[in-house]
C-alpha atoms as a PDB file:
ATOM      1  CA  MET A   1      -0.089   0.162  -0.012  1.00  0.00           C
ATOM      2  CA  ARG A   2       1.585   3.406  -0.786  1.00  0.00           C
ATOM      3  CA  SER A   3       1.437   6.337   1.869  1.00  0.00           C
ATOM      4  CA  PRO A   4      -0.654   8.904   1.387  1.00  0.00           C
ATOM      5  CA  PRO A   5       0.717  12.612  -0.350  1.00  0.00           C
ATOM      6  CA  SER A   6       3.843  14.219   1.182  1.00  0.00           C
ATOM      7  CA  SER A   7       4.572  17.840   1.511  1.00  0.00           C
ATOM      8  CA  GLN A   8       6.990  17.776  -1.243  1.00  0.00           C
ATOM      9  CA  HIS A   9       3.798  17.278  -3.427  1.00  0.00           C
ATOM     10  CA  GLY A  10       3.858  20.872  -3.253  1.00  0.00           C
ATOM     11  CA  ALA A  11       7.065  21.437  -4.838  1.00  0.00           C
ATOM     12  CA  ALA A  12       6.685  19.096  -7.780  1.00  0.00           C
ATOM     13  CA  ASN A  13       3.911  20.847  -8.365  1.00  0.00           C
ATOM     14  CA  THR A  14       4.880  24.193  -8.590  1.00  0.00           C
ATOM     15  CA  GLN A  15       7.423  22.875 -11.027  1.00  0.00           C
ATOM     16  CA  ARG A  16       5.024  21.310 -12.989  1.00  0.00           C
ATOM     17  CA  SER A  17       2.935  24.866 -13.254  1.00  0.00           C
ATOM     18  CA  SER A  18       0.428  24.214 -16.462  1.00  0.00           C
ATOM     19  CA  ARG A  19       2.556  22.080 -18.333  1.00  0.00           C
ATOM     20  CA  PRO A  20       1.625  19.242 -20.018  1.00  0.00           C
ATOM     21  CA  PHE A  21       2.403  15.790 -19.004  1.00  0.00           C
ATOM     22  CA  GLY A  22       4.314  13.754 -21.013  1.00  0.00           C
ATOM     23  CA  ILE A  23       7.948  11.348 -21.177  1.00  0.00           C
ATOM     24  CA  VAL A  24      11.243  13.419 -20.446  1.00  0.00           C
ATOM     25  CA  THR A  25      13.474  12.289 -23.109  1.00  0.00           C
ATOM     26  CA  GLY A  26      15.910  15.446 -23.064  1.00  0.00           C
ATOM     27  CA  THR A  27      17.588  17.943 -20.808  1.00  0.00           C
ATOM     28  CA  VAL A  28      16.225  17.663 -17.100  1.00  0.00           C
ATOM     29  CA  LEU A  29      15.313  20.961 -15.696  1.00  0.00           C
ATOM     30  CA  TYR A  30      13.958  19.612 -12.053  1.00  0.00           C
ATOM     31  CA  THR A  31      13.813  16.201 -10.344  1.00  0.00           C
ATOM     32  CA  THR A  32      11.874  15.633  -7.309  1.00  0.00           C
ATOM     33  CA  PRO A  33      13.635  14.797  -3.914  1.00  0.00           C
ATOM     34  CA  LEU A  34      13.917  10.934  -3.217  1.00  0.00           C
ATOM     35  CA  GLN A  35      11.280  10.101  -0.900  1.00  0.00           C
ATOM     36  CA  PRO A  36      12.290   7.893   2.185  1.00  0.00           C
ATOM     37  CA  GLY A  37      12.195   4.287   1.149  1.00  0.00           C
ATOM     38  CA  SER A  38      11.539   4.940  -2.730  1.00  0.00           C
ATOM     39  CA  THR A  39      13.828   5.105  -5.839  1.00  0.00           C
ATOM     40  CA  GLU A  40      11.459   7.526  -7.900  1.00  0.00           C
ATOM     41  CA  GLN A  41      11.264  10.690  -9.011  1.00  0.00           C
ATOM     42  CA  SER A  42       9.275  12.978 -10.876  1.00  0.00           C
ATOM     43  CA  ARG A  43      10.785  15.476 -13.570  1.00  0.00           C
ATOM     44  CA  LEU A  44      10.443  18.111 -15.212  1.00  0.00           C
ATOM     45  CA  GLY A  45      12.556  18.355 -18.823  1.00  0.00           C
ATOM     46  CA  LEU A  46      12.433  18.434 -23.166  1.00  0.00           C
ATOM     47  CA  ASP A  47      10.309  15.645 -24.468  1.00  0.00           C
ATOM     48  CA  ALA A  48      11.052  13.937 -27.942  1.00  0.00           C
ATOM     49  CA  ALA A  49       9.403  17.386 -29.670  1.00  0.00           C
ATOM     50  CA  GLY A  50      11.088  19.691 -27.356  1.00  0.00           C
ATOM     51  CA  ARG A  51       8.339  20.637 -25.527  1.00  0.00           C
ATOM     52  CA  THR A  52       8.715  21.199 -21.521  1.00  0.00           C
ATOM     53  CA  VAL A  53       6.669  18.613 -20.163  1.00  0.00           C
ATOM     54  CA  PHE A  54       6.250  17.171 -16.528  1.00  0.00           C
ATOM     55  CA  GLU A  55       6.880  13.231 -15.800  1.00  0.00           C
ATOM     56  CA  VAL A  56       5.807  11.649 -12.845  1.00  0.00           C
ATOM     57  CA  ARG A  57       7.569   8.942 -10.946  1.00  0.00           C
ATOM     58  CA  ASN A  58       6.121   5.501 -12.389  1.00  0.00           C
ATOM     59  CA  SER A  59       4.259   4.266  -9.495  1.00  0.00           C
ATOM     60  CA  LYS A  60       1.688   7.605 -10.063  1.00  0.00           C
ATOM     61  CA  LYS A  61       1.566   7.590 -13.814  1.00  0.00           C
ATOM     62  CA  GLY A  62      -1.681   5.499 -13.950  1.00  0.00           C
ATOM     63  CA  ASP A  63      -3.405   7.285 -11.258  1.00  0.00           C
ATOM     64  CA  ILE A  64      -2.360  10.774 -12.638  1.00  0.00           C
ATOM     65  CA  ALA A  65      -3.889   9.308 -16.161  1.00  0.00           C
ATOM     66  CA  ARG A  66      -7.077   8.033 -15.228  1.00  0.00           C
ATOM     67  CA  ALA A  67      -8.033  11.401 -13.352  1.00  0.00           C
ATOM     68  CA  ILE A  68      -7.084  13.278 -16.099  1.00  0.00           C
ATOM     69  CA  LEU A  69      -9.214  11.278 -18.296  1.00  0.00           C
ATOM     70  CA  TYR A  70     -11.964  10.706 -16.152  1.00  0.00           C
ATOM     71  CA  PHE A  71     -12.005  14.641 -15.396  1.00  0.00           C
ATOM     72  CA  TYR A  72     -11.861  15.087 -19.359  1.00  0.00           C
ATOM     73  CA  VAL A  73     -14.674  13.492 -19.990  1.00  0.00           C
ATOM     74  CA  ARG A  74     -16.867  14.332 -17.235  1.00  0.00           C
ATOM     75  CA  TYR A  75     -16.781  17.924 -17.591  1.00  0.00           C
ATOM     76  CA  ARG A  76     -15.966  18.435 -21.132  1.00  0.00           C
ATOM     77  CA  SER A  77     -19.678  19.594 -21.971  1.00  0.00           C
ATOM     78  CA  ALA A  78     -19.824  22.230 -18.679  1.00  0.00           C
ATOM     79  CA  ARG A  79     -16.530  24.146 -20.116  1.00  0.00           C
ATOM     80  CA  THR A  80     -15.792  27.244 -18.307  1.00  0.00           C
ATOM     81  CA  PRO A  81     -14.518  30.520 -20.737  1.00  0.00           C
ATOM     82  CA  SER A  82     -10.923  29.769 -19.682  1.00  0.00           C
ATOM     83  CA  PHE A  83     -10.775  25.647 -20.889  1.00  0.00           C
ATOM     84  CA  SER A  84      -8.489  24.833 -23.144  1.00  0.00           C
ATOM     85  CA  LEU A  85      -7.357  21.427 -24.561  1.00  0.00           C
ATOM     86  CA  ALA A  86      -3.598  22.615 -25.442  1.00  0.00           C
ATOM     87  CA  ASN A  87      -2.080  20.178 -22.368  1.00  0.00           C
ATOM     88  CA  PHE A  88      -4.650  17.657 -23.342  1.00  0.00           C
ATOM     89  CA  ASN A  89      -3.697  17.445 -27.233  1.00  0.00           C
ATOM     90  CA  VAL A  90       0.124  17.132 -26.147  1.00  0.00           C
ATOM     91  CA  GLU A  91      -0.848  14.395 -23.323  1.00  0.00           C
ATOM     92  CA  GLU A  92      -3.634  12.377 -24.290  1.00  0.00           C
ATOM     93  CA  ALA A  93      -1.290   9.628 -25.629  1.00  0.00           C
ATOM     94  CA  VAL A  94       0.868   9.242 -23.115  1.00  0.00           C
ATOM     95  CA  LEU A  95      -2.190   9.314 -20.495  1.00  0.00           C
ATOM     96  CA  LEU A  96      -3.534   6.353 -22.091  1.00  0.00           C
ATOM     97  CA  ARG A  97      -0.044   4.509 -22.459  1.00  0.00           C
ATOM     98  CA  TRP A  98       0.382   5.464 -18.693  1.00  0.00           C
ATOM     99  CA  SER A  99      -3.235   4.234 -17.658  1.00  0.00           C
ATOM    100  CA  GLN A 100      -2.309   0.887 -19.337  1.00  0.00           C
ATOM    101  CA  GLU A 101       1.278   0.532 -17.764  1.00  0.00           C
ATOM    102  CA  ASP A 102       0.305   1.166 -14.022  1.00  0.00           C
ATOM    103  CA  PRO A 103      -2.521  -0.619 -13.893  1.00  0.00           C
ATOM    104  CA  PRO A 104      -5.477   0.959 -10.327  1.00  0.00           C
ATOM    105  CA  ASP A 105      -3.847  -0.660  -7.094  1.00  0.00           C
ATOM    106  CA  ASP A 106      -5.348  -1.156  -3.777  1.00  0.00           C
ATOM    107  CA  TYR A 107      -4.507   2.232  -2.527  1.00  0.00           C
ATOM    108  CA  GLU A 108      -6.240   3.759  -5.882  1.00  0.00           C
ATOM    109  CA  ARG A 109      -9.032   1.706  -5.672  1.00  0.00           C
ATOM    110  CA  ALA A 110      -9.798   2.573  -1.778  1.00  0.00           C
ATOM    111  CA  ARG A 111      -9.264   6.334  -2.704  1.00  0.00           C
ATOM    112  CA  ASN A 112     -12.004   5.415  -5.646  1.00  0.00           C
ATOM    113  CA  GLU A 113     -14.225   4.284  -2.488  1.00  0.00           C
ATOM    114  CA  ARG A 114     -13.707   7.279  -0.453  1.00  0.00           C
ATOM    115  CA  VAL A 115     -14.707   9.499  -3.129  1.00  0.00           C
ATOM    116  CA  PHE A 116     -17.778   7.702  -3.839  1.00  0.00           C
ATOM    117  CA  ARG A 117     -18.649   8.005  -0.252  1.00  0.00           C
ATOM    118  CA  GLY A 118     -18.379  11.322   0.152  1.00  0.00           C
ATOM    119  CA  GLN A 119     -19.672  12.624  -3.346  1.00  0.00           C
ATOM    120  CA  GLY A 120     -21.274   9.616  -4.647  1.00  0.00           C
ATOM    121  CA  ASN A 121     -19.646   9.508  -8.070  1.00  0.00           C
ATOM    122  CA  ARG A 122     -16.761   7.375  -8.962  1.00  0.00           C
ATOM    123  CA  ASN A 123     -14.281   7.357 -11.448  1.00  0.00           C
ATOM    124  CA  PRO A 124     -14.840   4.260 -13.937  1.00  0.00           C
ATOM    125  CA  PHE A 125     -11.432   4.213 -15.300  1.00  0.00           C
ATOM    126  CA  ILE A 126     -10.270   2.299 -11.837  1.00  0.00           C
ATOM    127  CA  ASP A 127     -13.255   0.542 -11.610  1.00  0.00           C
ATOM    128  CA  LYS A 128     -12.910  -1.143 -15.054  1.00  0.00           C
ATOM    129  CA  PRO A 129      -9.737   0.342 -16.720  1.00  0.00           C
ATOM    130  CA  SER A 130     -10.137  -1.150 -20.294  1.00  0.00           C
ATOM    131  CA  ILE A 131     -13.337   1.052 -20.835  1.00  0.00           C
ATOM    132  CA  ILE A 132     -10.785   3.965 -21.743  1.00  0.00           C
ATOM    133  CA  PHE A 133      -9.902   2.315 -24.726  1.00  0.00           C
ATOM    134  CA  ALA A 134     -13.631   1.848 -25.520  1.00  0.00           C
ATOM    135  CA  ILE A 135     -13.955   5.696 -25.943  1.00  0.00           C
ATOM    136  CA  GLY A 136     -11.324   5.793 -29.004  1.00  0.00           C
ATOM    137  CA  ASP A 137     -10.391   8.961 -29.865  1.00  0.00           C
ATOM    138  CA  PHE A 138     -10.913  11.432 -27.295  1.00  0.00           C
ATOM    139  CA  PRO A 139     -12.073  14.432 -29.077  1.00  0.00           C
ATOM    140  CA  ASN A 140      -9.784  17.036 -28.796  1.00  0.00           C
ATOM    141  CA  ASN A 141     -11.900  20.568 -29.444  1.00  0.00           C
END
């Protein structure tokens, strides 16, 4: 079971800012500090296209992917004037890959259950991860 988020997440979120998620293949601009008992780190750097992206540590990739894909599907029709697909258009393929490479674990399923008890809704991509691929191409406009 994973431990809950630490204060180090604030520093990582600050570095990520509003940059898209992606795979760092070039210059690394920032690496999160190691957490006790872990060898995983998140990184900010350049992807293969030269864009600055944020790559989360391996054990969180699927969690992030399922959350973003859920929010996109759930709230797509309730767009605010500031709604933008700029990041999603960059991240979509990598989010689909991450959701498959890092399937839901007990911690994520338990969190989904707590959200359901408190809010009455669930992330179906945690309950049944394969339905992500039943959507096909996500609309990008």
